[in-house]
Amino acid sequence: MEITDIRVKMVTTDSRMKAVASVTFDNSFVVHDIKVIAGQDKLFTAMPSRRTPEGEYKDIAHPINSSMRTMLESQILAKYEEELSKIDSEIGAEE
């Protein structure tokens, strides 16, 4: 399975959530609402989830092995950093 597209939408509020990503696999399947979150030590991703009647959150879609999770997270975070660099460049050009 190949990741064929990643789109990142930056979040402008002052929260731990920094962006929301959509990832397309094999040009034929997309997963929306993957969150980029600032943890205490580093950024990480959180898969789309829903709240159960008991109040806990369950992932709607998620990798089933650690190698896929690592590959997915590293590519999403790389795209996030790329988008962040574009914003920083635009701000620097305006000054």
C-alpha atoms as a PDB file:
ATOM      1  CA  MET A   1       0.000   0.000   0.000  1.00  0.00           C
ATOM      2  CA  GLU A   2       1.349   3.367  -1.001  1.00  0.00           C
ATOM      3  CA  ILE A   3       0.525   6.816   0.310  1.00  0.00           C
ATOM      4  CA  THR A   4      -0.193   8.823  -2.829  1.00  0.00           C
ATOM      5  CA  ASP A   5      -1.281  12.156  -1.329  1.00  0.00           C
ATOM      6  CA  ILE A   6      -1.218  13.963   1.994  1.00  0.00           C
ATOM      7  CA  ARG A   7      -3.053  17.214   2.559  1.00  0.00           C
ATOM      8  CA  VAL A   8      -2.519  19.187   5.726  1.00  0.00           C
ATOM      9  CA  LYS A   9      -4.777  21.944   6.993  1.00  0.00           C
ATOM     10  CA  MET A  10      -3.157  24.048   9.701  1.00  0.00           C
ATOM     11  CA  VAL A  11      -5.141  24.837  12.854  1.00  0.00           C
ATOM     12  CA  THR A  12      -4.820  28.455  13.948  1.00  0.00           C
ATOM     13  CA  THR A  13      -6.099  28.204  17.522  1.00  0.00           C
ATOM     14  CA  ASP A  14      -3.770  28.106  20.518  1.00  0.00           C
ATOM     15  CA  SER A  15      -4.357  24.459  21.281  1.00  0.00           C
ATOM     16  CA  ARG A  16      -2.247  21.312  21.245  1.00  0.00           C
ATOM     17  CA  MET A  17      -3.832  20.312  17.934  1.00  0.00           C
ATOM     18  CA  LYS A  18      -1.667  21.913  15.244  1.00  0.00           C
ATOM     19  CA  ALA A  19      -3.166  20.513  12.025  1.00  0.00           C
ATOM     20  CA  VAL A  20      -5.589  18.050  10.485  1.00  0.00           C
ATOM     21  CA  ALA A  21      -4.470  15.757   7.665  1.00  0.00           C
ATOM     22  CA  SER A  22      -6.157  13.744   4.931  1.00  0.00           C
ATOM     23  CA  VAL A  23      -4.180  10.814   3.533  1.00  0.00           C
ATOM     24  CA  THR A  24      -4.896   9.081   0.218  1.00  0.00           C
ATOM     25  CA  PHE A  25      -3.757   5.495  -0.334  1.00  0.00           C
ATOM     26  CA  ASP A  26      -3.143   4.043  -3.804  1.00  0.00           C
ATOM     27  CA  ASN A  27      -5.073   6.950  -5.401  1.00  0.00           C
ATOM     28  CA  SER A  28      -8.253   5.160  -4.329  1.00  0.00           C
ATOM     29  CA  PHE A  29      -8.931   5.395  -0.575  1.00  0.00           C
ATOM     30  CA  VAL A  30      -8.764   8.427   1.715  1.00  0.00           C
ATOM     31  CA  VAL A  31      -8.740   8.834   5.489  1.00  0.00           C
ATOM     32  CA  HIS A  32      -9.716  12.292   6.761  1.00  0.00           C
ATOM     33  CA  ASP A  33      -9.315  13.947  10.165  1.00  0.00           C
ATOM     34  CA  ILE A  34      -5.936  12.596  11.231  1.00  0.00           C
ATOM     35  CA  LYS A  35      -4.802  15.089  13.855  1.00  0.00           C
ATOM     36  CA  VAL A  36      -1.285  16.465  14.340  1.00  0.00           C
ATOM     37  CA  ILE A  37      -0.869  17.105  18.069  1.00  0.00           C
ATOM     38  CA  ALA A  38       1.924  18.715  20.073  1.00  0.00           C
ATOM     39  CA  GLY A  39       2.865  16.377  22.908  1.00  0.00           C
ATOM     40  CA  GLN A  40       5.162  17.224  25.799  1.00  0.00           C
ATOM     41  CA  ASP A  41       8.299  16.148  23.924  1.00  0.00           C
ATOM     42  CA  LYS A  42       7.332  15.897  20.255  1.00  0.00           C
ATOM     43  CA  LEU A  43       4.588  16.022  17.657  1.00  0.00           C
ATOM     44  CA  PHE A  44       2.458  12.937  17.111  1.00  0.00           C
ATOM     45  CA  THR A  45      -0.585  11.915  15.091  1.00  0.00           C
ATOM     46  CA  ALA A  46      -3.982  10.760  16.319  1.00  0.00           C
ATOM     47  CA  MET A  47      -6.268   8.775  14.076  1.00  0.00           C
ATOM     48  CA  PRO A  48      -9.899   9.821  13.482  1.00  0.00           C
ATOM     49  CA  SER A  49     -12.129   8.694  16.329  1.00  0.00           C
ATOM     50  CA  ARG A  50     -15.622   8.925  17.698  1.00  0.00           C
ATOM     51  CA  ARG A  51     -16.965   9.082  21.213  1.00  0.00           C
ATOM     52  CA  THR A  52     -18.833   6.037  22.491  1.00  0.00           C
ATOM     53  CA  PRO A  53     -21.943   6.287  24.686  1.00  0.00           C
ATOM     54  CA  GLU A  54     -19.668   5.420  27.625  1.00  0.00           C
ATOM     55  CA  GLY A  55     -17.597   8.553  26.952  1.00  0.00           C
ATOM     56  CA  GLU A  56     -14.431   6.918  25.651  1.00  0.00           C
ATOM     57  CA  TYR A  57     -12.945   7.544  22.213  1.00  0.00           C
ATOM     58  CA  LYS A  58     -12.474   4.727  19.681  1.00  0.00           C
ATOM     59  CA  ASP A  59     -10.447   5.013  16.477  1.00  0.00           C
ATOM     60  CA  ILE A  60     -12.559   4.784  13.325  1.00  0.00           C
ATOM     61  CA  ALA A  61      -9.582   3.827  11.155  1.00  0.00           C
ATOM     62  CA  HIS A  62      -6.055   2.961  12.233  1.00  0.00           C
ATOM     63  CA  PRO A  63      -2.892   1.074  11.204  1.00  0.00           C
ATOM     64  CA  ILE A  64      -2.829  -2.492  12.488  1.00  0.00           C
ATOM     65  CA  ASN A  65       0.937  -2.808  12.850  1.00  0.00           C
ATOM     66  CA  SER A  66       3.708  -0.583  14.156  1.00  0.00           C
ATOM     67  CA  SER A  67       5.626  -0.351  10.873  1.00  0.00           C
ATOM     68  CA  MET A  68       2.582   1.073   9.075  1.00  0.00           C
ATOM     69  CA  ARG A  69       1.896   3.451  11.970  1.00  0.00           C
ATOM     70  CA  THR A  70       5.515   4.669  11.903  1.00  0.00           C
ATOM     71  CA  MET A  71       5.514   5.146   8.122  1.00  0.00           C
ATOM     72  CA  LEU A  72       2.164   6.972   8.179  1.00  0.00           C
ATOM     73  CA  GLU A  73       3.113   9.233  11.076  1.00  0.00           C
ATOM     74  CA  SER A  74       6.536  10.127   9.640  1.00  0.00           C
ATOM     75  CA  GLN A  75       5.071  11.102   6.262  1.00  0.00           C
ATOM     76  CA  ILE A  76       2.261  13.158   7.818  1.00  0.00           C
ATOM     77  CA  LEU A  77       4.679  14.981  10.118  1.00  0.00           C
ATOM     78  CA  ALA A  78       7.062  15.640   7.214  1.00  0.00           C
ATOM     79  CA  LYS A  79       4.196  17.197   5.235  1.00  0.00           C
ATOM     80  CA  TYR A  80       3.205  19.231   8.306  1.00  0.00           C
ATOM     81  CA  GLU A  81       6.776  20.561   8.647  1.00  0.00           C
ATOM     82  CA  GLU A  82       6.791  21.394   4.916  1.00  0.00           C
ATOM     83  CA  GLU A  83       3.563  23.387   5.270  1.00  0.00           C
ATOM     84  CA  LEU A  84       4.894  25.105   8.391  1.00  0.00           C
ATOM     85  CA  SER A  85       8.034  26.149   6.459  1.00  0.00           C
ATOM     86  CA  LYS A  86       5.876  27.636   3.687  1.00  0.00           C
ATOM     87  CA  ILE A  87       3.967  29.713   6.230  1.00  0.00           C
ATOM     88  CA  ASP A  88       7.202  30.876   7.884  1.00  0.00           C
ATOM     89  CA  SER A  89       8.602  31.837   4.464  1.00  0.00           C
ATOM     90  CA  GLU A  90       5.461  33.795   3.588  1.00  0.00           C
ATOM     91  CA  ILE A  91       5.567  35.643   6.915  1.00  0.00           C
ATOM     92  CA  GLY A  92       9.260  36.433   6.420  1.00  0.00           C
ATOM     93  CA  ALA A  93       8.595  37.774   2.911  1.00  0.00           C
ATOM     94  CA  GLU A  94       5.916  40.125   4.243  1.00  0.00           C
ATOM     95  CA  GLU A  95       8.243  41.713   6.799  1.00  0.00           C
END
